[in-house]
């Protein structure tokens, strides 16, 4: 599944991104019926002590999320999505774009954010 995620993220990061983008967050959604999706948002605010920074979106790929079907609990889905983002940060073609931001986080859209990279 990582290869498909990698292609999806490559296509997103190859776009022209806003110049005032400061941080990225991967929002995970439970779409129901064992369907899950991830979107990437870019924000013009970042504050490690205030998780609401991820609400300051100036970019998103909401119209083309990464989606899959899997019968699993939310903690398993979170761990798998986190692992894919960490792998991309390690060796993805456009990992430098993510790492240039002040922060990169991940979390369920209605939950807490875990920071995976802080500059």
PDB file of N, CA and C in Angstrom:
ATOM      1  N   UNK A   1       0.820  -1.192   0.000  1.00  0.00           N
ATOM      2  CA  UNK A   1       0.000   0.000   0.000  1.00  0.00           C
ATOM      3  C   UNK A   1       0.866   1.259   0.000  1.00  0.00           C
ATOM      4  N   UNK A   2       2.085   1.150   0.555  1.00  0.00           N
ATOM      5  CA  UNK A   2       2.945   2.334   0.620  1.00  0.00           C
ATOM      6  C   UNK A   2       3.229   2.914  -0.759  1.00  0.00           C
ATOM      7  N   UNK A   3       3.427   2.064  -1.759  1.00  0.00           N
ATOM      8  CA  UNK A   3       3.753   2.559  -3.099  1.00  0.00           C
ATOM      9  C   UNK A   3       2.643   3.452  -3.656  1.00  0.00           C
ATOM     10  N   UNK A   4       1.395   3.083  -3.394  1.00  0.00           N
ATOM     11  CA  UNK A   4       0.258   3.889  -3.853  1.00  0.00           C
ATOM     12  C   UNK A   4       0.214   5.204  -3.066  1.00  0.00           C
ATOM     13  N   UNK A   5       0.441   5.131  -1.762  1.00  0.00           N
ATOM     14  CA  UNK A   5       0.494   6.334  -0.931  1.00  0.00           C
ATOM     15  C   UNK A   5       1.606   7.264  -1.410  1.00  0.00           C
ATOM     16  N   UNK A   6       2.744   6.690  -1.700  1.00  0.00           N
ATOM     17  CA  UNK A   6       3.900   7.478  -2.167  1.00  0.00           C
ATOM     18  C   UNK A   6       3.574   8.219  -3.467  1.00  0.00           C
ATOM     19  N   UNK A   7       2.947   7.547  -4.407  1.00  0.00           N
ATOM     20  CA  UNK A   7       2.565   8.197  -5.672  1.00  0.00           C
ATOM     21  C   UNK A   7       1.550   9.299  -5.428  1.00  0.00           C
ATOM     22  N   UNK A   8       0.598   9.053  -4.549  1.00  0.00           N
ATOM     23  CA  UNK A   8      -0.405  10.059  -4.198  1.00  0.00           C
ATOM     24  C   UNK A   8       0.266  11.295  -3.597  1.00  0.00           C
ATOM     25  N   UNK A   9       1.178  11.074  -2.653  1.00  0.00           N
ATOM     26  CA  UNK A   9       1.839  12.194  -1.993  1.00  0.00           C
ATOM     27  C   UNK A   9       2.793  12.914  -2.943  1.00  0.00           C
ATOM     28  N   UNK A  10       3.485  12.166  -3.791  1.00  0.00           N
ATOM     29  CA  UNK A  10       4.341  12.796  -4.814  1.00  0.00           C
ATOM     30  C   UNK A  10       3.535  13.763  -5.667  1.00  0.00           C
ATOM     31  N   UNK A  11       2.382  13.313  -6.141  1.00  0.00           N
ATOM     32  CA  UNK A  11       1.545  14.153  -7.004  1.00  0.00           C
ATOM     33  C   UNK A  11       1.108  15.423  -6.281  1.00  0.00           C
ATOM     34  N   UNK A  12       0.808  15.314  -5.001  1.00  0.00           N
ATOM     35  CA  UNK A  12       0.405  16.487  -4.219  1.00  0.00           C
ATOM     36  C   UNK A  12       1.568  17.451  -4.038  1.00  0.00           C
ATOM     37  N   UNK A  13       2.721  16.925  -3.671  1.00  0.00           N
ATOM     38  CA  UNK A  13       3.866  17.791  -3.365  1.00  0.00           C
ATOM     39  C   UNK A  13       4.534  18.367  -4.609  1.00  0.00           C
ATOM     40  N   UNK A  14       4.201  17.840  -5.778  1.00  0.00           N
ATOM     41  CA  UNK A  14       4.733  18.397  -7.030  1.00  0.00           C
ATOM     42  C   UNK A  14       3.963  19.643  -7.465  1.00  0.00           C
ATOM     43  N   UNK A  15       2.820  19.900  -6.836  1.00  0.00           N
ATOM     44  CA  UNK A  15       2.019  21.083  -7.161  1.00  0.00           C
ATOM     45  C   UNK A  15       2.718  22.339  -6.631  1.00  0.00           C
ATOM     46  N   UNK A  16       2.331  23.469  -7.174  1.00  0.00           N
ATOM     47  CA  UNK A  16       2.810  24.732  -6.639  1.00  0.00           C
ATOM     48  C   UNK A  16       2.089  24.960  -5.316  1.00  0.00           C
ATOM     49  N   UNK A  17       2.849  25.091  -4.249  1.00  0.00           N
ATOM     50  CA  UNK A  17       2.287  25.270  -2.918  1.00  0.00           C
ATOM     51  C   UNK A  17       2.379  26.749  -2.520  1.00  0.00           C
ATOM     52  N   UNK A  18       1.494  27.212  -1.658  1.00  0.00           N
ATOM     53  CA  UNK A  18       1.550  28.608  -1.212  1.00  0.00           C
ATOM     54  C   UNK A  18       2.902  28.939  -0.574  1.00  0.00           C
ATOM     55  N   UNK A  19       3.404  30.113  -0.867  1.00  0.00           N
ATOM     56  CA  UNK A  19       4.705  30.524  -0.333  1.00  0.00           C
ATOM     57  C   UNK A  19       4.683  30.721   1.177  1.00  0.00           C
ATOM     58  N   UNK A  20       3.529  31.097   1.737  1.00  0.00           N
ATOM     59  CA  UNK A  20       3.459  31.359   3.173  1.00  0.00           C
ATOM     60  C   UNK A  20       3.055  30.115   3.982  1.00  0.00           C
ATOM     61  N   UNK A  21       3.180  28.952   3.380  1.00  0.00           N
ATOM     62  CA  UNK A  21       2.880  27.690   4.050  1.00  0.00           C
ATOM     63  C   UNK A  21       3.978  27.411   5.087  1.00  0.00           C
ATOM     64  N   UNK A  22       3.585  27.176   6.326  1.00  0.00           N
ATOM     65  CA  UNK A  22       4.550  26.953   7.406  1.00  0.00           C
ATOM     66  C   UNK A  22       4.582  25.523   7.926  1.00  0.00           C
ATOM     67  N   UNK A  23       3.482  24.791   7.770  1.00  0.00           N
ATOM     68  CA  UNK A  23       3.414  23.449   8.346  1.00  0.00           C
ATOM     69  C   UNK A  23       2.423  22.588   7.566  1.00  0.00           C
ATOM     70  N   UNK A  24       2.593  21.280   7.718  1.00  0.00           N
ATOM     71  CA  UNK A  24       1.704  20.305   7.076  1.00  0.00           C
ATOM     72  C   UNK A  24       1.070  19.425   8.136  1.00  0.00           C
ATOM     73  N   UNK A  25      -0.152  18.996   7.861  1.00  0.00           N
ATOM     74  CA  UNK A  25      -0.783  17.989   8.702  1.00  0.00           C
ATOM     75  C   UNK A  25      -1.499  16.975   7.820  1.00  0.00           C
ATOM     76  N   UNK A  26      -1.345  15.713   8.173  1.00  0.00           N
ATOM     77  CA  UNK A  26      -2.058  14.626   7.516  1.00  0.00           C
ATOM     78  C   UNK A  26      -3.299  14.331   8.357  1.00  0.00           C
ATOM     79  N   UNK A  27      -4.470  14.636   7.811  1.00  0.00           N
ATOM     80  CA  UNK A  27      -5.743  14.380   8.484  1.00  0.00           C
ATOM     81  C   UNK A  27      -6.251  13.006   8.083  1.00  0.00           C
ATOM     82  N   UNK A  28      -6.538  12.184   9.065  1.00  0.00           N
ATOM     83  CA  UNK A  28      -7.087  10.847   8.827  1.00  0.00           C
ATOM     84  C   UNK A  28      -8.578  10.891   9.099  1.00  0.00           C
ATOM     85  N   UNK A  29      -9.352  10.255   8.208  1.00  0.00           N
ATOM     86  CA  UNK A  29     -10.804  10.206   8.344  1.00  0.00           C
ATOM     87  C   UNK A  29     -11.287   8.766   8.412  1.00  0.00           C
ATOM     88  N   UNK A  30     -12.255   8.524   9.277  1.00  0.00           N
ATOM     89  CA  UNK A  30     -13.009   7.277   9.284  1.00  0.00           C
ATOM     90  C   UNK A  30     -14.248   7.550   8.443  1.00  0.00           C
ATOM     91  N   UNK A  31     -14.260   7.020   7.220  1.00  0.00           N
ATOM     92  CA  UNK A  31     -15.353   7.277   6.288  1.00  0.00           C
ATOM     93  C   UNK A  31     -16.522   6.303   6.470  1.00  0.00           C
ATOM     94  N   UNK A  32     -16.406   5.399   7.434  1.00  0.00           N
ATOM     95  CA  UNK A  32     -17.473   4.425   7.687  1.00  0.00           C
ATOM     96  C   UNK A  32     -17.342   3.192   6.818  1.00  0.00           C
ATOM     97  N   UNK A  33     -17.971   2.110   7.230  1.00  0.00           N
ATOM     98  CA  UNK A  33     -17.965   0.845   6.491  1.00  0.00           C
ATOM     99  C   UNK A  33     -16.559   0.368   6.153  1.00  0.00           C
ATOM    100  N   UNK A  34     -15.630   0.505   7.111  1.00  0.00           N
ATOM    101  CA  UNK A  34     -14.237   0.065   6.949  1.00  0.00           C
ATOM    102  C   UNK A  34     -13.494   0.830   5.853  1.00  0.00           C
ATOM    103  N   UNK A  35     -13.947   2.030   5.549  1.00  0.00           N
ATOM    104  CA  UNK A  35     -13.270   2.888   4.574  1.00  0.00           C
ATOM    105  C   UNK A  35     -12.580   4.023   5.317  1.00  0.00           C
ATOM    106  N   UNK A  36     -11.356   4.321   4.902  1.00  0.00           N
ATOM    107  CA  UNK A  36     -10.521   5.321   5.555  1.00  0.00           C
ATOM    108  C   UNK A  36      -9.930   6.229   4.487  1.00  0.00           C
ATOM    109  N   UNK A  37      -9.585   7.434   4.880  1.00  0.00           N
ATOM    110  CA  UNK A  37      -8.908   8.320   3.943  1.00  0.00           C
ATOM    111  C   UNK A  37      -7.960   9.255   4.689  1.00  0.00           C
ATOM    112  N   UNK A  38      -7.005   9.758   3.933  1.00  0.00           N
ATOM    113  CA  UNK A  38      -6.024  10.718   4.447  1.00  0.00           C
ATOM    114  C   UNK A  38      -5.968  11.867   3.462  1.00  0.00           C
ATOM    115  N   UNK A  39      -5.928  13.072   3.996  1.00  0.00           N
ATOM    116  CA  UNK A  39      -5.702  14.257   3.180  1.00  0.00           C
ATOM    117  C   UNK A  39      -4.492  14.985   3.751  1.00  0.00           C
ATOM    118  N   UNK A  40      -3.881  15.796   2.928  1.00  0.00           N
ATOM    119  CA  UNK A  40      -2.770  16.628   3.373  1.00  0.00           C
ATOM    120  C   UNK A  40      -3.233  18.071   3.359  1.00  0.00           C
ATOM    121  N   UNK A  41      -3.018  18.768   4.472  1.00  0.00           N
ATOM    122  CA  UNK A  41      -3.313  20.191   4.524  1.00  0.00           C
ATOM    123  C   UNK A  41      -2.022  20.946   4.822  1.00  0.00           C
ATOM    124  N   UNK A  42      -1.942  22.145   4.257  1.00  0.00           N
ATOM    125  CA  UNK A  42      -0.845  23.046   4.542  1.00  0.00           C
ATOM    126  C   UNK A  42      -1.391  24.230   5.312  1.00  0.00           C
ATOM    127  N   UNK A  43      -0.649  24.692   6.290  1.00  0.00           N
ATOM    128  CA  UNK A  43      -1.118  25.748   7.185  1.00  0.00           C
ATOM    129  C   UNK A  43      -0.139  26.916   7.197  1.00  0.00           C
ATOM    130  N   UNK A  44      -0.692  28.103   7.475  1.00  0.00           N
ATOM    131  CA  UNK A  44       0.168  29.282   7.537  1.00  0.00           C
ATOM    132  C   UNK A  44       0.498  29.654   8.979  1.00  0.00           C
ATOM    133  N   UNK A  45       0.312  28.689   9.873  1.00  0.00           N
ATOM    134  CA  UNK A  45       0.599  28.884  11.293  1.00  0.00           C
ATOM    135  C   UNK A  45       1.115  27.569  11.850  1.00  0.00           C
ATOM    136  N   UNK A  46       2.053  27.657  12.795  1.00  0.00           N
ATOM    137  CA  UNK A  46       2.543  26.462  13.468  1.00  0.00           C
ATOM    138  C   UNK A  46       2.947  26.830  14.885  1.00  0.00           C
ATOM    139  N   UNK A  47       2.462  26.042  15.827  1.00  0.00           N
ATOM    140  CA  UNK A  47       2.790  26.253  17.231  1.00  0.00           C
ATOM    141  C   UNK A  47       2.726  24.893  17.913  1.00  0.00           C
ATOM    142  N   UNK A  48       3.878  24.401  18.326  1.00  0.00           N
ATOM    143  CA  UNK A  48       3.937  23.070  18.952  1.00  0.00           C
ATOM    144  C   UNK A  48       3.025  22.946  20.159  1.00  0.00           C
ATOM    145  N   UNK A  49       2.801  24.030  20.868  1.00  0.00           N
ATOM    146  CA  UNK A  49       1.998  23.978  22.088  1.00  0.00           C
ATOM    147  C   UNK A  49       0.508  24.210  21.842  1.00  0.00           C
ATOM    148  N   UNK A  50       0.130  24.513  20.605  1.00  0.00           N
ATOM    149  CA  UNK A  50      -1.279  24.765  20.280  1.00  0.00           C
ATOM    150  C   UNK A  50      -1.689  23.913  19.085  1.00  0.00           C
ATOM    151  N   UNK A  51      -2.370  22.795  19.321  1.00  0.00           N
ATOM    152  CA  UNK A  51      -2.730  21.902  18.220  1.00  0.00           C
ATOM    153  C   UNK A  51      -3.721  22.501  17.224  1.00  0.00           C
ATOM    154  N   UNK A  52      -4.296  23.635  17.544  1.00  0.00           N
ATOM    155  CA  UNK A  52      -5.224  24.260  16.604  1.00  0.00           C
ATOM    156  C   UNK A  52      -4.519  24.897  15.412  1.00  0.00           C
ATOM    157  N   UNK A  53      -3.186  24.871  15.397  1.00  0.00           N
ATOM    158  CA  UNK A  53      -2.450  25.400  14.239  1.00  0.00           C
ATOM    159  C   UNK A  53      -2.908  24.704  12.966  1.00  0.00           C
ATOM    160  N   UNK A  54      -3.290  23.446  13.069  1.00  0.00           N
ATOM    161  CA  UNK A  54      -3.667  22.680  11.881  1.00  0.00           C
ATOM    162  C   UNK A  54      -5.020  23.105  11.313  1.00  0.00           C
ATOM    163  N   UNK A  55      -5.720  23.985  12.009  1.00  0.00           N
ATOM    164  CA  UNK A  55      -7.000  24.499  11.511  1.00  0.00           C
ATOM    165  C   UNK A  55      -6.807  25.697  10.585  1.00  0.00           C
ATOM    166  N   UNK A  56      -5.597  26.216  10.532  1.00  0.00           N
ATOM    167  CA  UNK A  56      -5.294  27.398   9.721  1.00  0.00           C
ATOM    168  C   UNK A  56      -4.858  26.972   8.322  1.00  0.00           C
ATOM    169  N   UNK A  57      -5.744  26.307   7.613  1.00  0.00           N
ATOM    170  CA  UNK A  57      -5.427  25.735   6.303  1.00  0.00           C
ATOM    171  C   UNK A  57      -5.369  26.796   5.204  1.00  0.00           C
ATOM    172  N   UNK A  58      -4.311  26.710   4.397  1.00  0.00           N
ATOM    173  CA  UNK A  58      -4.233  27.545   3.196  1.00  0.00           C
ATOM    174  C   UNK A  58      -4.039  26.670   1.951  1.00  0.00           C
ATOM    175  N   UNK A  59      -3.962  25.364   2.172  1.00  0.00           N
ATOM    176  CA  UNK A  59      -3.803  24.404   1.087  1.00  0.00           C
ATOM    177  C   UNK A  59      -4.378  23.074   1.549  1.00  0.00           C
ATOM    178  N   UNK A  60      -5.000  22.346   0.635  1.00  0.00           N
ATOM    179  CA  UNK A  60      -5.422  20.978   0.949  1.00  0.00           C
ATOM    180  C   UNK A  60      -5.600  20.198  -0.354  1.00  0.00           C
ATOM    181  N   UNK A  61      -5.572  18.894  -0.231  1.00  0.00           N
ATOM    182  CA  UNK A  61      -5.883  18.024  -1.369  1.00  0.00           C
ATOM    183  C   UNK A  61      -7.138  17.213  -1.054  1.00  0.00           C
ATOM    184  N   UNK A  62      -8.065  17.853  -0.383  1.00  0.00           N
ATOM    185  CA  UNK A  62      -9.314  17.228   0.076  1.00  0.00           C
ATOM    186  C   UNK A  62     -10.112  16.599  -1.057  1.00  0.00           C
ATOM    187  N   UNK A  63     -10.002  17.151  -2.259  1.00  0.00           N
ATOM    188  CA  UNK A  63     -10.749  16.606  -3.394  1.00  0.00           C
ATOM    189  C   UNK A  63     -10.155  15.308  -3.923  1.00  0.00           C
ATOM    190  N   UNK A  64      -8.915  15.009  -3.545  1.00  0.00           N
ATOM    191  CA  UNK A  64      -8.251  13.781  -3.992  1.00  0.00           C
ATOM    192  C   UNK A  64      -7.523  13.123  -2.830  1.00  0.00           C
ATOM    193  N   UNK A  65      -8.265  12.640  -1.834  1.00  0.00           N
ATOM    194  CA  UNK A  65      -7.612  12.009  -0.686  1.00  0.00           C
ATOM    195  C   UNK A  65      -7.041  10.639  -1.043  1.00  0.00           C
ATOM    196  N   UNK A  66      -6.140  10.182  -0.210  1.00  0.00           N
ATOM    197  CA  UNK A  66      -5.678   8.805  -0.295  1.00  0.00           C
ATOM    198  C   UNK A  66      -6.707   7.972   0.460  1.00  0.00           C
ATOM    199  N   UNK A  67      -7.311   7.008  -0.200  1.00  0.00           N
ATOM    200  CA  UNK A  67      -8.397   6.248   0.421  1.00  0.00           C
ATOM    201  C   UNK A  67      -8.152   4.744   0.278  1.00  0.00           C
ATOM    202  N   UNK A  68      -8.598   4.009   1.277  1.00  0.00           N
ATOM    203  CA  UNK A  68      -8.482   2.561   1.242  1.00  0.00           C
ATOM    204  C   UNK A  68      -9.551   1.940   2.126  1.00  0.00           C
ATOM    205  N   UNK A  69      -9.726   0.629   1.947  1.00  0.00           N
ATOM    206  CA  UNK A  69     -10.676  -0.125   2.747  1.00  0.00           C
ATOM    207  C   UNK A  69      -9.902  -1.125   3.588  1.00  0.00           C
ATOM    208  N   UNK A  70     -10.209  -1.142   4.880  1.00  0.00           N
ATOM    209  CA  UNK A  70      -9.521  -2.061   5.792  1.00  0.00           C
ATOM    210  C   UNK A  70     -10.368  -2.235   7.042  1.00  0.00           C
ATOM    211  N   UNK A  71     -10.594  -3.474   7.424  1.00  0.00           N
ATOM    212  CA  UNK A  71     -11.319  -3.738   8.655  1.00  0.00           C
ATOM    213  C   UNK A  71     -10.320  -3.705   9.796  1.00  0.00           C
ATOM    214  N   UNK A  72     -10.332  -2.605  10.558  1.00  0.00           N
ATOM    215  CA  UNK A  72      -9.355  -2.431  11.634  1.00  0.00           C
ATOM    216  C   UNK A  72      -9.838  -1.361  12.603  1.00  0.00           C
ATOM    217  N   UNK A  73      -9.273  -1.386  13.796  1.00  0.00           N
ATOM    218  CA  UNK A  73      -9.558  -0.365  14.806  1.00  0.00           C
ATOM    219  C   UNK A  73      -8.768   0.904  14.472  1.00  0.00           C
ATOM    220  N   UNK A  74      -9.216   2.008  15.038  1.00  0.00           N
ATOM    221  CA  UNK A  74      -8.591   3.298  14.723  1.00  0.00           C
ATOM    222  C   UNK A  74      -7.109   3.353  15.100  1.00  0.00           C
ATOM    223  N   UNK A  75      -6.719   2.696  16.189  1.00  0.00           N
ATOM    224  CA  UNK A  75      -5.297   2.739  16.566  1.00  0.00           C
ATOM    225  C   UNK A  75      -4.423   2.033  15.534  1.00  0.00           C
ATOM    226  N   UNK A  76      -4.934   0.988  14.928  1.00  0.00           N
ATOM    227  CA  UNK A  76      -4.196   0.289  13.866  1.00  0.00           C
ATOM    228  C   UNK A  76      -4.106   1.163  12.615  1.00  0.00           C
ATOM    229  N   UNK A  77      -5.198   1.818  12.276  1.00  0.00           N
ATOM    230  CA  UNK A  77      -5.204   2.707  11.109  1.00  0.00           C
ATOM    231  C   UNK A  77      -4.226   3.853  11.321  1.00  0.00           C
ATOM    232  N   UNK A  78      -4.264   4.447  12.518  1.00  0.00           N
ATOM    233  CA  UNK A  78      -3.334   5.537  12.827  1.00  0.00           C
ATOM    234  C   UNK A  78      -1.887   5.075  12.698  1.00  0.00           C
ATOM    235  N   UNK A  79      -1.575   3.926  13.280  1.00  0.00           N
ATOM    236  CA  UNK A  79      -0.200   3.416  13.244  1.00  0.00           C
ATOM    237  C   UNK A  79       0.256   3.172  11.814  1.00  0.00           C
ATOM    238  N   UNK A  80      -0.609   2.626  10.977  1.00  0.00           N
ATOM    239  CA  UNK A  80      -0.249   2.367   9.586  1.00  0.00           C
ATOM    240  C   UNK A  80      -0.045   3.642   8.794  1.00  0.00           C
ATOM    241  N   UNK A  81      -0.930   4.627   8.981  1.00  0.00           N
ATOM    242  CA  UNK A  81      -0.782   5.908   8.281  1.00  0.00           C
ATOM    243  C   UNK A  81       0.482   6.614   8.747  1.00  0.00           C
ATOM    244  N   UNK A  82       0.729   6.595  10.037  1.00  0.00           N
ATOM    245  CA  UNK A  82       1.939   7.221  10.596  1.00  0.00           C
ATOM    246  C   UNK A  82       3.196   6.579  10.015  1.00  0.00           C
ATOM    247  N   UNK A  83       3.206   5.267   9.928  1.00  0.00           N
ATOM    248  CA  UNK A  83       4.355   4.557   9.373  1.00  0.00           C
ATOM    249  C   UNK A  83       4.616   4.966   7.923  1.00  0.00           C
ATOM    250  N   UNK A  84       3.548   5.120   7.125  1.00  0.00           N
ATOM    251  CA  UNK A  84       3.722   5.531   5.731  1.00  0.00           C
ATOM    252  C   UNK A  84       4.298   6.945   5.647  1.00  0.00           C
ATOM    253  N   UNK A  85       3.810   7.852   6.486  1.00  0.00           N
ATOM    254  CA  UNK A  85       4.337   9.223   6.464  1.00  0.00           C
ATOM    255  C   UNK A  85       5.789   9.233   6.920  1.00  0.00           C
ATOM    256  N   UNK A  86       6.117   8.487   7.958  1.00  0.00           N
ATOM    257  CA  UNK A  86       7.504   8.426   8.424  1.00  0.00           C
ATOM    258  C   UNK A  86       8.431   7.859   7.352  1.00  0.00           C
ATOM    259  N   UNK A  87       7.970   6.836   6.648  1.00  0.00           N
ATOM    260  CA  UNK A  87       8.778   6.267   5.573  1.00  0.00           C
ATOM    261  C   UNK A  87       8.982   7.299   4.476  1.00  0.00           C
ATOM    262  N   UNK A  88       7.929   8.048   4.149  1.00  0.00           N
ATOM    263  CA  UNK A  88       8.056   9.077   3.121  1.00  0.00           C
ATOM    264  C   UNK A  88       9.029  10.166   3.580  1.00  0.00           C
ATOM    265  N   UNK A  89       8.959  10.557   4.828  1.00  0.00           N
ATOM    266  CA  UNK A  89       9.888  11.554   5.354  1.00  0.00           C
ATOM    267  C   UNK A  89      11.325  11.060   5.272  1.00  0.00           C
ATOM    268  N   UNK A  90      11.502   9.763   5.364  1.00  0.00           N
ATOM    269  CA  UNK A  90      12.843   9.166   5.305  1.00  0.00           C
ATOM    270  C   UNK A  90      13.384   9.112   3.879  1.00  0.00           C
ATOM    271  N   UNK A  91      12.538   8.687   2.922  1.00  0.00           N
ATOM    272  CA  UNK A  91      13.092   8.454   1.581  1.00  0.00           C
ATOM    273  C   UNK A  91      12.171   8.843   0.430  1.00  0.00           C
ATOM    274  N   UNK A  92      11.145   9.637   0.696  1.00  0.00           N
ATOM    275  CA  UNK A  92      10.232  10.066  -0.362  1.00  0.00           C
ATOM    276  C   UNK A  92      10.885  11.046  -1.311  1.00  0.00           C
ATOM    277  N   UNK A  93      10.435  11.051  -2.540  1.00  0.00           N
ATOM    278  CA  UNK A  93      11.010  11.909  -3.578  1.00  0.00           C
ATOM    279  C   UNK A  93      10.936  13.390  -3.226  1.00  0.00           C
ATOM    280  N   UNK A  94       9.891  13.787  -2.509  1.00  0.00           N
ATOM    281  CA  UNK A  94       9.708  15.197  -2.154  1.00  0.00           C
ATOM    282  C   UNK A  94       9.685  15.395  -0.643  1.00  0.00           C
ATOM    283  N   UNK A  95      10.401  14.528   0.076  1.00  0.00           N
ATOM    284  CA  UNK A  95      10.480  14.642   1.535  1.00  0.00           C
ATOM    285  C   UNK A  95      11.048  15.995   1.941  1.00  0.00           C
ATOM    286  N   UNK A  96      11.913  16.560   1.103  1.00  0.00           N
ATOM    287  CA  UNK A  96      12.511  17.860   1.416  1.00  0.00           C
ATOM    288  C   UNK A  96      11.458  18.953   1.519  1.00  0.00           C
ATOM    289  N   UNK A  97      10.382  18.841   0.750  1.00  0.00           N
ATOM    290  CA  UNK A  97       9.303  19.832   0.811  1.00  0.00           C
ATOM    291  C   UNK A  97       8.651  19.784   2.191  1.00  0.00           C
ATOM    292  N   UNK A  98       8.362  18.580   2.667  1.00  0.00           N
ATOM    293  CA  UNK A  98       7.769  18.429   3.992  1.00  0.00           C
ATOM    294  C   UNK A  98       8.736  18.892   5.082  1.00  0.00           C
ATOM    295  N   UNK A  99       9.986  18.488   4.980  1.00  0.00           N
ATOM    296  CA  UNK A  99      10.976  18.807   6.011  1.00  0.00           C
ATOM    297  C   UNK A  99      11.345  20.286   6.041  1.00  0.00           C
ATOM    298  N   UNK A 100      11.085  21.003   4.964  1.00  0.00           N
ATOM    299  CA  UNK A 100      11.363  22.436   4.944  1.00  0.00           C
ATOM    300  C   UNK A 100      10.350  23.213   5.785  1.00  0.00           C
ATOM    301  N   UNK A 101       9.212  22.599   6.059  1.00  0.00           N
ATOM    302  CA  UNK A 101       8.181  23.245   6.879  1.00  0.00           C
ATOM    303  C   UNK A 101       8.616  23.237   8.344  1.00  0.00           C
ATOM    304  N   UNK A 102       8.003  24.108   9.134  1.00  0.00           N
ATOM    305  CA  UNK A 102       8.318  24.168  10.560  1.00  0.00           C
ATOM    306  C   UNK A 102       7.860  22.911  11.293  1.00  0.00           C
ATOM    307  N   UNK A 103       6.812  22.268  10.771  1.00  0.00           N
ATOM    308  CA  UNK A 103       6.321  21.060  11.413  1.00  0.00           C
ATOM    309  C   UNK A 103       5.493  20.213  10.480  1.00  0.00           C
ATOM    310  N   UNK A 104       5.471  18.916  10.773  1.00  0.00           N
ATOM    311  CA  UNK A 104       4.640  17.960  10.050  1.00  0.00           C
ATOM    312  C   UNK A 104       3.940  17.109  11.103  1.00  0.00           C
ATOM    313  N   UNK A 105       2.624  17.090  11.043  1.00  0.00           N
ATOM    314  CA  UNK A 105       1.854  16.322  12.010  1.00  0.00           C
ATOM    315  C   UNK A 105       0.922  15.339  11.334  1.00  0.00           C
ATOM    316  N   UNK A 106       0.309  14.501  12.165  1.00  0.00           N
ATOM    317  CA  UNK A 106      -0.676  13.535  11.689  1.00  0.00           C
ATOM    318  C   UNK A 106      -1.682  13.287  12.810  1.00  0.00           C
ATOM    319  N   UNK A 107      -2.919  13.068  12.422  1.00  0.00           N
ATOM    320  CA  UNK A 107      -3.934  12.741  13.418  1.00  0.00           C
ATOM    321  C   UNK A 107      -5.300  12.593  12.775  1.00  0.00           C
ATOM    322  N   UNK A 108      -6.211  11.956  13.508  1.00  0.00           N
ATOM    323  CA  UNK A 108      -7.589  11.901  13.042  1.00  0.00           C
ATOM    324  C   UNK A 108      -8.137  13.318  13.060  1.00  0.00           C
ATOM    325  N   UNK A 109      -8.947  13.629  12.092  1.00  0.00           N
ATOM    326  CA  UNK A 109      -9.419  15.001  11.915  1.00  0.00           C
ATOM    327  C   UNK A 109     -10.103  15.541  13.170  1.00  0.00           C
ATOM    328  N   UNK A 110     -10.677  14.679  13.977  1.00  0.00           N
ATOM    329  CA  UNK A 110     -11.358  15.132  15.190  1.00  0.00           C
ATOM    330  C   UNK A 110     -10.583  14.762  16.457  1.00  0.00           C
ATOM    331  N   UNK A 111      -9.269  14.499  16.295  1.00  0.00           N
ATOM    332  CA  UNK A 111      -8.469  14.062  17.434  1.00  0.00           C
ATOM    333  C   UNK A 111      -7.191  14.858  17.600  1.00  0.00           C
ATOM    334  N   UNK A 112      -6.307  14.301  18.388  1.00  0.00           N
ATOM    335  CA  UNK A 112      -5.026  14.937  18.672  1.00  0.00           C
ATOM    336  C   UNK A 112      -4.069  14.784  17.503  1.00  0.00           C
ATOM    337  N   UNK A 113      -3.122  15.701  17.429  1.00  0.00           N
ATOM    338  CA  UNK A 113      -2.088  15.679  16.407  1.00  0.00           C
ATOM    339  C   UNK A 113      -0.789  15.176  17.031  1.00  0.00           C
ATOM    340  N   UNK A 114      -0.137  14.275  16.352  1.00  0.00           N
ATOM    341  CA  UNK A 114       1.195  13.846  16.744  1.00  0.00           C
ATOM    342  C   UNK A 114       2.192  14.459  15.763  1.00  0.00           C
ATOM    343  N   UNK A 115       3.168  15.161  16.285  1.00  0.00           N
ATOM    344  CA  UNK A 115       4.183  15.768  15.425  1.00  0.00           C
ATOM    345  C   UNK A 115       5.201  14.707  15.024  1.00  0.00           C
ATOM    346  N   UNK A 116       5.456  14.625  13.723  1.00  0.00           N
ATOM    347  CA  UNK A 116       6.413  13.650  13.200  1.00  0.00           C
ATOM    348  C   UNK A 116       7.724  14.310  12.797  1.00  0.00           C
ATOM    349  N   UNK A 117       7.677  15.606  12.573  1.00  0.00           N
ATOM    350  CA  UNK A 117       8.898  16.342  12.200  1.00  0.00           C
ATOM    351  C   UNK A 117       8.734  17.779  12.663  1.00  0.00           C
ATOM    352  N   UNK A 118       9.746  18.292  13.337  1.00  0.00           N
ATOM    353  CA  UNK A 118       9.784  19.692  13.733  1.00  0.00           C
ATOM    354  C   UNK A 118      11.146  20.229  13.330  1.00  0.00           C
ATOM    355  N   UNK A 119      11.106  21.353  12.655  1.00  0.00           N
ATOM    356  CA  UNK A 119      12.348  21.959  12.157  1.00  0.00           C
ATOM    357  C   UNK A 119      13.035  22.725  13.264  1.00  0.00           C
TER     358      UNK A 119
END
